[in-house]
Amino acid sequence: MTIKEAQKTVDEWIKTIGVRYFNELTNMAMLTEEVGEVARIIARRYGEQSEKESDKAKDLGDEMADVLFVLICLANQTGIDLTEALQKNLDKKTIRDATRHLENTKLK
């Protein structure tokens, strides 16, 4: 599925199953909550915190998909074409960071 297809699929899902989009502020709060769930899993599974037994069954991919879903909702609501936005962002990073990381002695 392309990003464009994902935006269309989420929009169709919202309009048929989800009834309507939550407002942008609610979705922003939901995005923050979902990112927190991803952070919790990563901090415990890959970081130095111990993972609770109840957290071991949590699916990191599913939690990342929740983040992506809400991000796509926000993009749809605000008229952002994520394909175009991502390409512009990559172009910006490519110019800005053309030698930055190669010259960073911390990365060697």
PDB file of N, CA and C in Angstrom:
ATOM      1  N   MET A   1       0.853  -1.179   0.000  1.00  0.00           N
ATOM      2  CA  MET A   1       0.000   0.000   0.000  1.00  0.00           C
ATOM      3  C   MET A   1       0.899   1.242   0.000  1.00  0.00           C
ATOM      4  N   THR A   2       0.631   2.153  -0.899  1.00  0.00           N
ATOM      5  CA  THR A   2       1.382   3.403  -0.923  1.00  0.00           C
ATOM      6  C   THR A   2       0.848   4.336   0.166  1.00  0.00           C
ATOM      7  N   ILE A   3       1.574   5.395   0.424  1.00  0.00           N
ATOM      8  CA  ILE A   3       1.098   6.381   1.397  1.00  0.00           C
ATOM      9  C   ILE A   3      -0.209   7.001   0.908  1.00  0.00           C
ATOM     10  N   LYS A   4      -0.275   7.322  -0.365  1.00  0.00           N
ATOM     11  CA  LYS A   4      -1.493   7.904  -0.945  1.00  0.00           C
ATOM     12  C   LYS A   4      -2.680   6.949  -0.770  1.00  0.00           C
ATOM     13  N   GLU A   5      -2.443   5.669  -1.033  1.00  0.00           N
ATOM     14  CA  GLU A   5      -3.504   4.669  -0.846  1.00  0.00           C
ATOM     15  C   GLU A   5      -3.898   4.564   0.618  1.00  0.00           C
ATOM     16  N   ALA A   6      -2.927   4.656   1.506  1.00  0.00           N
ATOM     17  CA  ALA A   6      -3.220   4.598   2.939  1.00  0.00           C
ATOM     18  C   ALA A   6      -4.086   5.778   3.358  1.00  0.00           C
ATOM     19  N   GLN A   7      -3.763   6.960   2.838  1.00  0.00           N
ATOM     20  CA  GLN A   7      -4.584   8.129   3.178  1.00  0.00           C
ATOM     21  C   GLN A   7      -6.017   7.947   2.692  1.00  0.00           C
ATOM     22  N   LYS A   8      -6.190   7.400   1.505  1.00  0.00           N
ATOM     23  CA  LYS A   8      -7.532   7.174   0.963  1.00  0.00           C
ATOM     24  C   LYS A   8      -8.259   6.092   1.762  1.00  0.00           C
ATOM     25  N   THR A   9      -7.564   5.022   2.089  1.00  0.00           N
ATOM     26  CA  THR A   9      -8.165   3.917   2.844  1.00  0.00           C
ATOM     27  C   THR A   9      -8.625   4.379   4.222  1.00  0.00           C
ATOM     28  N   VAL A  10      -7.773   5.158   4.917  1.00  0.00           N
ATOM     29  CA  VAL A  10      -8.149   5.669   6.232  1.00  0.00           C
ATOM     30  C   VAL A  10      -9.357   6.595   6.108  1.00  0.00           C
ATOM     31  N   ASP A  11      -9.352   7.454   5.099  1.00  0.00           N
ATOM     32  CA  ASP A  11     -10.483   8.367   4.900  1.00  0.00           C
ATOM     33  C   ASP A  11     -11.776   7.592   4.678  1.00  0.00           C
ATOM     34  N   GLU A  12     -11.724   6.552   3.850  1.00  0.00           N
ATOM     35  CA  GLU A  12     -12.915   5.731   3.609  1.00  0.00           C
ATOM     36  C   GLU A  12     -13.360   5.016   4.877  1.00  0.00           C
ATOM     37  N   TRP A  13     -12.390   4.517   5.657  1.00  0.00           N
ATOM     38  CA  TRP A  13     -12.714   3.822   6.908  1.00  0.00           C
ATOM     39  C   TRP A  13     -13.400   4.785   7.875  1.00  0.00           C
ATOM     40  N   ILE A  14     -12.830   5.970   8.012  1.00  0.00           N
ATOM     41  CA  ILE A  14     -13.418   6.967   8.920  1.00  0.00           C
ATOM     42  C   ILE A  14     -14.852   7.281   8.514  1.00  0.00           C
ATOM     43  N   LYS A  15     -15.083   7.479   7.240  1.00  0.00           N
ATOM     44  CA  LYS A  15     -16.403   7.896   6.765  1.00  0.00           C
ATOM     45  C   LYS A  15     -17.441   6.774   6.792  1.00  0.00           C
ATOM     46  N   THR A  16     -17.000   5.513   6.806  1.00  0.00           N
ATOM     47  CA  THR A  16     -17.962   4.408   6.806  1.00  0.00           C
ATOM     48  C   THR A  16     -18.073   3.715   8.159  1.00  0.00           C
ATOM     49  N   ILE A  17     -16.975   3.515   8.826  1.00  0.00           N
ATOM     50  CA  ILE A  17     -16.975   2.792  10.103  1.00  0.00           C
ATOM     51  C   ILE A  17     -16.786   3.735  11.284  1.00  0.00           C
ATOM     52  N   GLY A  18     -15.917   4.703  11.105  1.00  0.00           N
ATOM     53  CA  GLY A  18     -15.623   5.635  12.189  1.00  0.00           C
ATOM     54  C   GLY A  18     -16.625   6.769  12.322  1.00  0.00           C
ATOM     55  N   VAL A  19     -17.562   6.873  11.414  1.00  0.00           N
ATOM     56  CA  VAL A  19     -18.626   7.880  11.366  1.00  0.00           C
ATOM     57  C   VAL A  19     -18.086   9.243  10.930  1.00  0.00           C
ATOM     58  N   ARG A  20     -17.087   9.772  11.639  1.00  0.00           N
ATOM     59  CA  ARG A  20     -16.482  11.057  11.279  1.00  0.00           C
ATOM     60  C   ARG A  20     -15.123  11.150  11.963  1.00  0.00           C
ATOM     61  N   TYR A  21     -14.322  12.087  11.504  1.00  0.00           N
ATOM     62  CA  TYR A  21     -13.041  12.346  12.156  1.00  0.00           C
ATOM     63  C   TYR A  21     -13.272  12.997  13.513  1.00  0.00           C
ATOM     64  N   PHE A  22     -12.469  12.633  14.498  1.00  0.00           N
ATOM     65  CA  PHE A  22     -12.417  13.423  15.722  1.00  0.00           C
ATOM     66  C   PHE A  22     -11.792  14.757  15.340  1.00  0.00           C
ATOM     67  N   ASN A  23     -12.009  15.789  16.131  1.00  0.00           N
ATOM     68  CA  ASN A  23     -11.393  17.065  15.766  1.00  0.00           C
ATOM     69  C   ASN A  23      -9.871  16.967  15.892  1.00  0.00           C
ATOM     70  N   GLU A  24      -9.203  17.925  15.307  1.00  0.00           N
ATOM     71  CA  GLU A  24      -7.744  17.892  15.226  1.00  0.00           C
ATOM     72  C   GLU A  24      -7.081  17.871  16.598  1.00  0.00           C
ATOM     73  N   LEU A  25      -7.633  18.595  17.555  1.00  0.00           N
ATOM     74  CA  LEU A  25      -7.037  18.597  18.894  1.00  0.00           C
ATOM     75  C   LEU A  25      -7.179  17.236  19.570  1.00  0.00           C
ATOM     76  N   THR A  26      -8.330  16.609  19.393  1.00  0.00           N
ATOM     77  CA  THR A  26      -8.515  15.261  19.946  1.00  0.00           C
ATOM     78  C   THR A  26      -7.545  14.293  19.292  1.00  0.00           C
ATOM     79  N   ASN A  27      -7.413  14.373  17.965  1.00  0.00           N
ATOM     80  CA  ASN A  27      -6.482  13.480  17.275  1.00  0.00           C
ATOM     81  C   ASN A  27      -5.041  13.750  17.685  1.00  0.00           C
ATOM     82  N   MET A  28      -4.689  15.006  17.958  1.00  0.00           N
ATOM     83  CA  MET A  28      -3.338  15.305  18.416  1.00  0.00           C
ATOM     84  C   MET A  28      -3.086  14.652  19.773  1.00  0.00           C
ATOM     85  N   ALA A  29      -4.068  14.720  20.645  1.00  0.00           N
ATOM     86  CA  ALA A  29      -3.940  14.069  21.953  1.00  0.00           C
ATOM     87  C   ALA A  29      -3.830  12.552  21.779  1.00  0.00           C
ATOM     88  N   MET A  30      -4.628  12.005  20.864  1.00  0.00           N
ATOM     89  CA  MET A  30      -4.570  10.562  20.610  1.00  0.00           C
ATOM     90  C   MET A  30      -3.213  10.162  20.034  1.00  0.00           C
ATOM     91  N   LEU A  31      -2.659  10.989  19.143  1.00  0.00           N
ATOM     92  CA  LEU A  31      -1.343  10.713  18.574  1.00  0.00           C
ATOM     93  C   LEU A  31      -0.291  10.671  19.677  1.00  0.00           C
ATOM     94  N   THR A  32      -0.362  11.621  20.589  1.00  0.00           N
ATOM     95  CA  THR A  32       0.577  11.666  21.705  1.00  0.00           C
ATOM     96  C   THR A  32       0.458  10.403  22.553  1.00  0.00           C
ATOM     97  N   GLU A  33      -0.758   9.981  22.804  1.00  0.00           N
ATOM     98  CA  GLU A  33      -1.005   8.767  23.583  1.00  0.00           C
ATOM     99  C   GLU A  33      -0.430   7.541  22.879  1.00  0.00           C
ATOM    100  N   GLU A  34      -0.661   7.435  21.581  1.00  0.00           N
ATOM    101  CA  GLU A  34      -0.172   6.278  20.825  1.00  0.00           C
ATOM    102  C   GLU A  34       1.361   6.255  20.766  1.00  0.00           C
ATOM    103  N   VAL A  35       1.974   7.425  20.589  1.00  0.00           N
ATOM    104  CA  VAL A  35       3.442   7.501  20.595  1.00  0.00           C
ATOM    105  C   VAL A  35       3.972   7.066  21.960  1.00  0.00           C
ATOM    106  N   GLY A  36       3.271   7.447  23.012  1.00  0.00           N
ATOM    107  CA  GLY A  36       3.655   7.020  24.364  1.00  0.00           C
ATOM    108  C   GLY A  36       3.625   5.508  24.521  1.00  0.00           C
ATOM    109  N   GLU A  37       2.650   4.863  23.903  1.00  0.00           N
ATOM    110  CA  GLU A  37       2.574   3.402  23.976  1.00  0.00           C
ATOM    111  C   GLU A  37       3.751   2.759  23.249  1.00  0.00           C
ATOM    112  N   VAL A  38       4.139   3.324  22.104  1.00  0.00           N
ATOM    113  CA  VAL A  38       5.315   2.829  21.385  1.00  0.00           C
ATOM    114  C   VAL A  38       6.560   3.037  22.246  1.00  0.00           C
ATOM    115  N   ALA A  39       6.679   4.217  22.823  1.00  0.00           N
ATOM    116  CA  ALA A  39       7.839   4.533  23.661  1.00  0.00           C
ATOM    117  C   ALA A  39       7.939   3.578  24.847  1.00  0.00           C
ATOM    118  N   ARG A  40       6.816   3.258  25.446  1.00  0.00           N
ATOM    119  CA  ARG A  40       6.819   2.354  26.603  1.00  0.00           C
ATOM    120  C   ARG A  40       7.358   0.979  26.219  1.00  0.00           C
ATOM    121  N   ILE A  41       6.893   0.453  25.108  1.00  0.00           N
ATOM    122  CA  ILE A  41       7.361  -0.861  24.667  1.00  0.00           C
ATOM    123  C   ILE A  41       8.853  -0.821  24.359  1.00  0.00           C
ATOM    124  N   ILE A  42       9.292   0.179  23.620  1.00  0.00           N
ATOM    125  CA  ILE A  42      10.703   0.259  23.241  1.00  0.00           C
ATOM    126  C   ILE A  42      11.591   0.460  24.460  1.00  0.00           C
ATOM    127  N   ALA A  43      11.163   1.322  25.382  1.00  0.00           N
ATOM    128  CA  ALA A  43      11.960   1.571  26.590  1.00  0.00           C
ATOM    129  C   ALA A  43      12.144   0.306  27.420  1.00  0.00           C
ATOM    130  N   ARG A  44      11.126  -0.528  27.447  1.00  0.00           N
ATOM    131  CA  ARG A  44      11.190  -1.734  28.270  1.00  0.00           C
ATOM    132  C   ARG A  44      11.799  -2.921  27.522  1.00  0.00           C
ATOM    133  N   ARG A  45      11.509  -3.007  26.249  1.00  0.00           N
ATOM    134  CA  ARG A  45      11.986  -4.155  25.475  1.00  0.00           C
ATOM    135  C   ARG A  45      13.428  -3.975  25.000  1.00  0.00           C
ATOM    136  N   TYR A  46      13.788  -2.757  24.640  1.00  0.00           N
ATOM    137  CA  TYR A  46      15.116  -2.505  24.072  1.00  0.00           C
ATOM    138  C   TYR A  46      15.976  -1.598  24.938  1.00  0.00           C
ATOM    139  N   GLY A  47      15.356  -0.927  25.883  1.00  0.00           N
ATOM    140  CA  GLY A  47      16.081  -0.011  26.753  1.00  0.00           C
ATOM    141  C   GLY A  47      16.456  -0.677  28.063  1.00  0.00           C
ATOM    142  N   GLU A  48      16.710   0.138  29.045  1.00  0.00           N
ATOM    143  CA  GLU A  48      17.216  -0.363  30.317  1.00  0.00           C
ATOM    144  C   GLU A  48      16.127  -0.649  31.342  1.00  0.00           C
ATOM    145  N   GLN A  49      14.898  -0.260  31.055  1.00  0.00           N
ATOM    146  CA  GLN A  49      13.823  -0.560  31.995  1.00  0.00           C
ATOM    147  C   GLN A  49      13.406  -2.016  31.851  1.00  0.00           C
ATOM    148  N   SER A  50      12.956  -2.595  32.950  1.00  0.00           N
ATOM    149  CA  SER A  50      12.495  -3.984  32.878  1.00  0.00           C
ATOM    150  C   SER A  50      11.086  -4.014  32.283  1.00  0.00           C
ATOM    151  N   GLU A  51      10.830  -5.080  31.530  1.00  0.00           N
ATOM    152  CA  GLU A  51       9.530  -5.224  30.880  1.00  0.00           C
ATOM    153  C   GLU A  51       8.609  -6.025  31.792  1.00  0.00           C
ATOM    154  N   LYS A  52       7.452  -5.457  32.066  1.00  0.00           N
ATOM    155  CA  LYS A  52       6.475  -6.156  32.892  1.00  0.00           C
ATOM    156  C   LYS A  52       5.936  -7.350  32.115  1.00  0.00           C
ATOM    157  N   GLU A  53       5.545  -8.365  32.825  1.00  0.00           N
ATOM    158  CA  GLU A  53       4.995  -9.568  32.191  1.00  0.00           C
ATOM    159  C   GLU A  53       3.792  -9.206  31.319  1.00  0.00           C
ATOM    160  N   SER A  54       2.982  -8.270  31.788  1.00  0.00           N
ATOM    161  CA  SER A  54       1.777  -7.870  31.034  1.00  0.00           C
ATOM    162  C   SER A  54       2.124  -7.120  29.749  1.00  0.00           C
ATOM    163  N   ASP A  55       3.319  -6.554  29.660  1.00  0.00           N
ATOM    164  CA  ASP A  55       3.732  -5.821  28.463  1.00  0.00           C
ATOM    165  C   ASP A  55       4.372  -6.718  27.412  1.00  0.00           C
ATOM    166  N   LYS A  56       4.795  -7.901  27.792  1.00  0.00           N
ATOM    167  CA  LYS A  56       5.530  -8.779  26.872  1.00  0.00           C
ATOM    168  C   LYS A  56       4.689  -9.225  25.675  1.00  0.00           C
ATOM    169  N   ALA A  57       3.389  -9.249  25.831  1.00  0.00           N
ATOM    170  CA  ALA A  57       2.517  -9.690  24.740  1.00  0.00           C
ATOM    171  C   ALA A  57       2.124  -8.541  23.806  1.00  0.00           C
ATOM    172  N   LYS A  58       2.511  -7.325  24.162  1.00  0.00           N
ATOM    173  CA  LYS A  58       2.125  -6.181  23.331  1.00  0.00           C
ATOM    174  C   LYS A  58       2.875  -6.222  22.015  1.00  0.00           C
ATOM    175  N   ASP A  59       2.157  -5.902  20.948  1.00  0.00           N
ATOM    176  CA  ASP A  59       2.673  -5.972  19.584  1.00  0.00           C
ATOM    177  C   ASP A  59       3.174  -4.590  19.169  1.00  0.00           C
ATOM    178  N   LEU A  60       4.490  -4.437  19.079  1.00  0.00           N
ATOM    179  CA  LEU A  60       5.086  -3.158  18.719  1.00  0.00           C
ATOM    180  C   LEU A  60       4.605  -2.689  17.350  1.00  0.00           C
ATOM    181  N   GLY A  61       4.505  -3.591  16.401  1.00  0.00           N
ATOM    182  CA  GLY A  61       4.036  -3.234  15.066  1.00  0.00           C
ATOM    183  C   GLY A  61       2.618  -2.686  15.098  1.00  0.00           C
ATOM    184  N   ASP A  62       1.764  -3.288  15.895  1.00  0.00           N
ATOM    185  CA  ASP A  62       0.382  -2.825  16.019  1.00  0.00           C
ATOM    186  C   ASP A  62       0.348  -1.426  16.622  1.00  0.00           C
ATOM    187  N   GLU A  63       1.183  -1.202  17.618  1.00  0.00           N
ATOM    188  CA  GLU A  63       1.225   0.125  18.240  1.00  0.00           C
ATOM    189  C   GLU A  63       1.761   1.171  17.262  1.00  0.00           C
ATOM    190  N   MET A  64       2.765   0.801  16.454  1.00  0.00           N
ATOM    191  CA  MET A  64       3.273   1.727  15.434  1.00  0.00           C
ATOM    192  C   MET A  64       2.193   2.021  14.395  1.00  0.00           C
ATOM    193  N   ALA A  65       1.406   1.015  14.051  1.00  0.00           N
ATOM    194  CA  ALA A  65       0.310   1.212  13.100  1.00  0.00           C
ATOM    195  C   ALA A  65      -0.741   2.161  13.677  1.00  0.00           C
ATOM    196  N   ASP A  66      -0.974   2.104  14.994  1.00  0.00           N
ATOM    197  CA  ASP A  66      -1.892   3.059  15.629  1.00  0.00           C
ATOM    198  C   ASP A  66      -1.382   4.485  15.453  1.00  0.00           C
ATOM    199  N   VAL A  67      -0.068   4.685  15.631  1.00  0.00           N
ATOM    200  CA  VAL A  67       0.538   6.005  15.438  1.00  0.00           C
ATOM    201  C   VAL A  67       0.326   6.460  13.995  1.00  0.00           C
ATOM    202  N   LEU A  68       0.615   5.575  13.059  1.00  0.00           N
ATOM    203  CA  LEU A  68       0.477   5.908  11.644  1.00  0.00           C
ATOM    204  C   LEU A  68      -0.973   6.242  11.292  1.00  0.00           C
ATOM    205  N   PHE A  69      -1.917   5.485  11.817  1.00  0.00           N
ATOM    206  CA  PHE A  69      -3.336   5.719  11.553  1.00  0.00           C
ATOM    207  C   PHE A  69      -3.743   7.126  11.983  1.00  0.00           C
ATOM    208  N   VAL A  70      -3.392   7.489  13.210  1.00  0.00           N
ATOM    209  CA  VAL A  70      -3.796   8.808  13.707  1.00  0.00           C
ATOM    210  C   VAL A  70      -3.054   9.913  12.957  1.00  0.00           C
ATOM    211  N   LEU A  71      -1.795   9.691  12.620  1.00  0.00           N
ATOM    212  CA  LEU A  71      -1.049  10.672  11.834  1.00  0.00           C
ATOM    213  C   LEU A  71      -1.706  10.878  10.466  1.00  0.00           C
ATOM    214  N   ILE A  72      -2.131   9.786   9.859  1.00  0.00           N
ATOM    215  CA  ILE A  72      -2.832   9.888   8.576  1.00  0.00           C
ATOM    216  C   ILE A  72      -4.153  10.640   8.744  1.00  0.00           C
ATOM    217  N   CYS A  73      -4.859  10.388   9.824  1.00  0.00           N
ATOM    218  CA  CYS A  73      -6.094  11.139  10.086  1.00  0.00           C
ATOM    219  C   CYS A  73      -5.805  12.631  10.130  1.00  0.00           C
ATOM    220  N   LEU A  74      -4.771  13.023  10.862  1.00  0.00           N
ATOM    221  CA  LEU A  74      -4.423  14.443  10.959  1.00  0.00           C
ATOM    222  C   LEU A  74      -4.032  15.015   9.605  1.00  0.00           C
ATOM    223  N   ALA A  75      -3.292  14.251   8.829  1.00  0.00           N
ATOM    224  CA  ALA A  75      -2.916  14.716   7.489  1.00  0.00           C
ATOM    225  C   ALA A  75      -4.156  14.919   6.635  1.00  0.00           C
ATOM    226  N   ASN A  76      -5.061  13.968   6.659  1.00  0.00           N
ATOM    227  CA  ASN A  76      -6.298  14.083   5.880  1.00  0.00           C
ATOM    228  C   ASN A  76      -7.101  15.307   6.308  1.00  0.00           C
ATOM    229  N   GLN A  77      -7.210  15.510   7.604  1.00  0.00           N
ATOM    230  CA  GLN A  77      -8.002  16.625   8.115  1.00  0.00           C
ATOM    231  C   GLN A  77      -7.419  17.981   7.757  1.00  0.00           C
ATOM    232  N   THR A  78      -6.103  18.040   7.640  1.00  0.00           N
ATOM    233  CA  THR A  78      -5.444  19.331   7.408  1.00  0.00           C
ATOM    234  C   THR A  78      -5.009  19.512   5.960  1.00  0.00           C
ATOM    235  N   GLY A  79      -5.409  18.573   5.097  1.00  0.00           N
ATOM    236  CA  GLY A  79      -5.133  18.704   3.675  1.00  0.00           C
ATOM    237  C   GLY A  79      -3.681  18.446   3.283  1.00  0.00           C
ATOM    238  N   ILE A  80      -2.986  17.650   4.066  1.00  0.00           N
ATOM    239  CA  ILE A  80      -1.588  17.342   3.779  1.00  0.00           C
ATOM    240  C   ILE A  80      -1.496  16.066   2.949  1.00  0.00           C
ATOM    241  N   ASP A  81      -0.814  16.150   1.829  1.00  0.00           N
ATOM    242  CA  ASP A  81      -0.485  14.976   1.022  1.00  0.00           C
ATOM    243  C   ASP A  81       0.829  14.436   1.588  1.00  0.00           C
ATOM    244  N   LEU A  82       0.749  13.356   2.332  1.00  0.00           N
ATOM    245  CA  LEU A  82       1.935  12.828   3.010  1.00  0.00           C
ATOM    246  C   LEU A  82       3.012  12.344   2.047  1.00  0.00           C
ATOM    247  N   THR A  83       2.631  11.869   0.882  1.00  0.00           N
ATOM    248  CA  THR A  83       3.623  11.463  -0.114  1.00  0.00           C
ATOM    249  C   THR A  83       4.464  12.669  -0.510  1.00  0.00           C
ATOM    250  N   GLU A  84       3.798  13.747  -0.834  1.00  0.00           N
ATOM    251  CA  GLU A  84       4.482  14.978  -1.228  1.00  0.00           C
ATOM    252  C   GLU A  84       5.295  15.549  -0.060  1.00  0.00           C
ATOM    253  N   ALA A  85       4.703  15.554   1.120  1.00  0.00           N
ATOM    254  CA  ALA A  85       5.387  16.105   2.295  1.00  0.00           C
ATOM    255  C   ALA A  85       6.641  15.306   2.627  1.00  0.00           C
ATOM    256  N   LEU A  86       6.547  13.978   2.545  1.00  0.00           N
ATOM    257  CA  LEU A  86       7.715  13.137   2.838  1.00  0.00           C
ATOM    258  C   LEU A  86       8.808  13.361   1.808  1.00  0.00           C
ATOM    259  N   GLN A  87       8.447  13.471   0.537  1.00  0.00           N
ATOM    260  CA  GLN A  87       9.453  13.701  -0.499  1.00  0.00           C
ATOM    261  C   GLN A  87      10.159  15.037  -0.291  1.00  0.00           C
ATOM    262  N   LYS A  88       9.384  16.065   0.000  1.00  0.00           N
ATOM    263  CA  LYS A  88       9.981  17.382   0.264  1.00  0.00           C
ATOM    264  C   LYS A  88      10.902  17.322   1.479  1.00  0.00           C
ATOM    265  N   ASN A  89      10.494  16.575   2.500  1.00  0.00           N
ATOM    266  CA  ASN A  89      11.296  16.447   3.709  1.00  0.00           C
ATOM    267  C   ASN A  89      12.606  15.712   3.423  1.00  0.00           C
ATOM    268  N   LEU A  90      12.530  14.646   2.626  1.00  0.00           N
ATOM    269  CA  LEU A  90      13.743  13.912   2.256  1.00  0.00           C
ATOM    270  C   LEU A  90      14.675  14.772   1.414  1.00  0.00           C
ATOM    271  N   ASP A  91      14.108  15.549   0.498  1.00  0.00           N
ATOM    272  CA  ASP A  91      14.916  16.466  -0.308  1.00  0.00           C
ATOM    273  C   ASP A  91      15.647  17.466   0.585  1.00  0.00           C
ATOM    274  N   LYS A  92      14.923  18.026   1.543  1.00  0.00           N
ATOM    275  CA  LYS A  92      15.507  18.992   2.483  1.00  0.00           C
ATOM    276  C   LYS A  92      16.650  18.353   3.269  1.00  0.00           C
ATOM    277  N   LYS A  93      16.402  17.168   3.808  1.00  0.00           N
ATOM    278  CA  LYS A  93      17.425  16.474   4.594  1.00  0.00           C
ATOM    279  C   LYS A  93      18.643  16.121   3.742  1.00  0.00           C
ATOM    280  N   THR A  94      18.407  15.739   2.506  1.00  0.00           N
ATOM    281  CA  THR A  94      19.508  15.358   1.609  1.00  0.00           C
ATOM    282  C   THR A  94      20.432  16.546   1.363  1.00  0.00           C
ATOM    283  N   ILE A  95      19.857  17.707   1.141  1.00  0.00           N
ATOM    284  CA  ILE A  95      20.669  18.912   0.930  1.00  0.00           C
ATOM    285  C   ILE A  95      21.357  19.321   2.234  1.00  0.00           C
ATOM    286  N   ARG A  96      20.588  19.401   3.288  1.00  0.00           N
ATOM    287  CA  ARG A  96      21.111  19.864   4.575  1.00  0.00           C
ATOM    288  C   ARG A  96      22.177  18.932   5.141  1.00  0.00           C
ATOM    289  N   ASP A  97      21.970  17.644   4.980  1.00  0.00           N
ATOM    290  CA  ASP A  97      22.840  16.665   5.630  1.00  0.00           C
ATOM    291  C   ASP A  97      23.772  15.949   4.662  1.00  0.00           C
ATOM    292  N   ALA A  98      24.025  16.560   3.503  1.00  0.00           N
ATOM    293  CA  ALA A  98      24.845  15.917   2.467  1.00  0.00           C
ATOM    294  C   ALA A  98      26.155  15.381   3.029  1.00  0.00           C
ATOM    295  N   THR A  99      26.810  16.112   3.906  1.00  0.00           N
ATOM    296  CA  THR A  99      28.078  15.646   4.490  1.00  0.00           C
ATOM    297  C   THR A  99      28.033  15.632   6.010  1.00  0.00           C
ATOM    298  N   ARG A 100      26.996  16.167   6.583  1.00  0.00           N
ATOM    299  CA  ARG A 100      26.904  16.310   8.044  1.00  0.00           C
ATOM    300  C   ARG A 100      27.150  15.000   8.785  1.00  0.00           C
ATOM    301  N   HIS A 101      26.481  13.948   8.405  1.00  0.00           N
ATOM    302  CA  HIS A 101      26.625  12.683   9.129  1.00  0.00           C
ATOM    303  C   HIS A 101      27.941  11.990   8.790  1.00  0.00           C
ATOM    304  N   LEU A 102      28.375  12.145   7.560  1.00  0.00           N
ATOM    305  CA  LEU A 102      29.657  11.558   7.155  1.00  0.00           C
ATOM    306  C   LEU A 102      30.812  12.188   7.932  1.00  0.00           C
ATOM    307  N   GLU A 103      30.687  13.457   8.271  1.00  0.00           N
ATOM    308  CA  GLU A 103      31.735  14.164   8.985  1.00  0.00           C
ATOM    309  C   GLU A 103      31.596  14.075  10.500  1.00  0.00           C
ATOM    310  N   ASN A 104      30.555  13.455  10.981  1.00  0.00           N
ATOM    311  CA  ASN A 104      30.316  13.350  12.416  1.00  0.00           C
ATOM    312  C   ASN A 104      31.170  12.220  12.996  1.00  0.00           C
ATOM    313  N   THR A 105      32.166  12.577  13.767  1.00  0.00           N
ATOM    314  CA  THR A 105      33.075  11.567  14.317  1.00  0.00           C
ATOM    315  C   THR A 105      32.374  10.651  15.320  1.00  0.00           C
ATOM    316  N   LYS A 106      31.256  11.092  15.877  1.00  0.00           N
ATOM    317  CA  LYS A 106      30.497  10.254  16.814  1.00  0.00           C
ATOM    318  C   LYS A 106      29.860   9.057  16.114  1.00  0.00           C
ATOM    319  N   LEU A 107      29.688   9.140  14.808  1.00  0.00           N
ATOM    320  CA  LEU A 107      29.048   8.064  14.056  1.00  0.00           C
ATOM    321  C   LEU A 107      30.050   7.070  13.472  1.00  0.00           C
ATOM    322  N   LYS A 108      31.331   7.303  13.691  1.00  0.00           N
ATOM    323  CA  LYS A 108      32.355   6.406  13.120  1.00  0.00           C
ATOM    324  C   LYS A 108      32.818   5.398  14.113  1.00  0.00           C
TER     325      LYS A 108
END
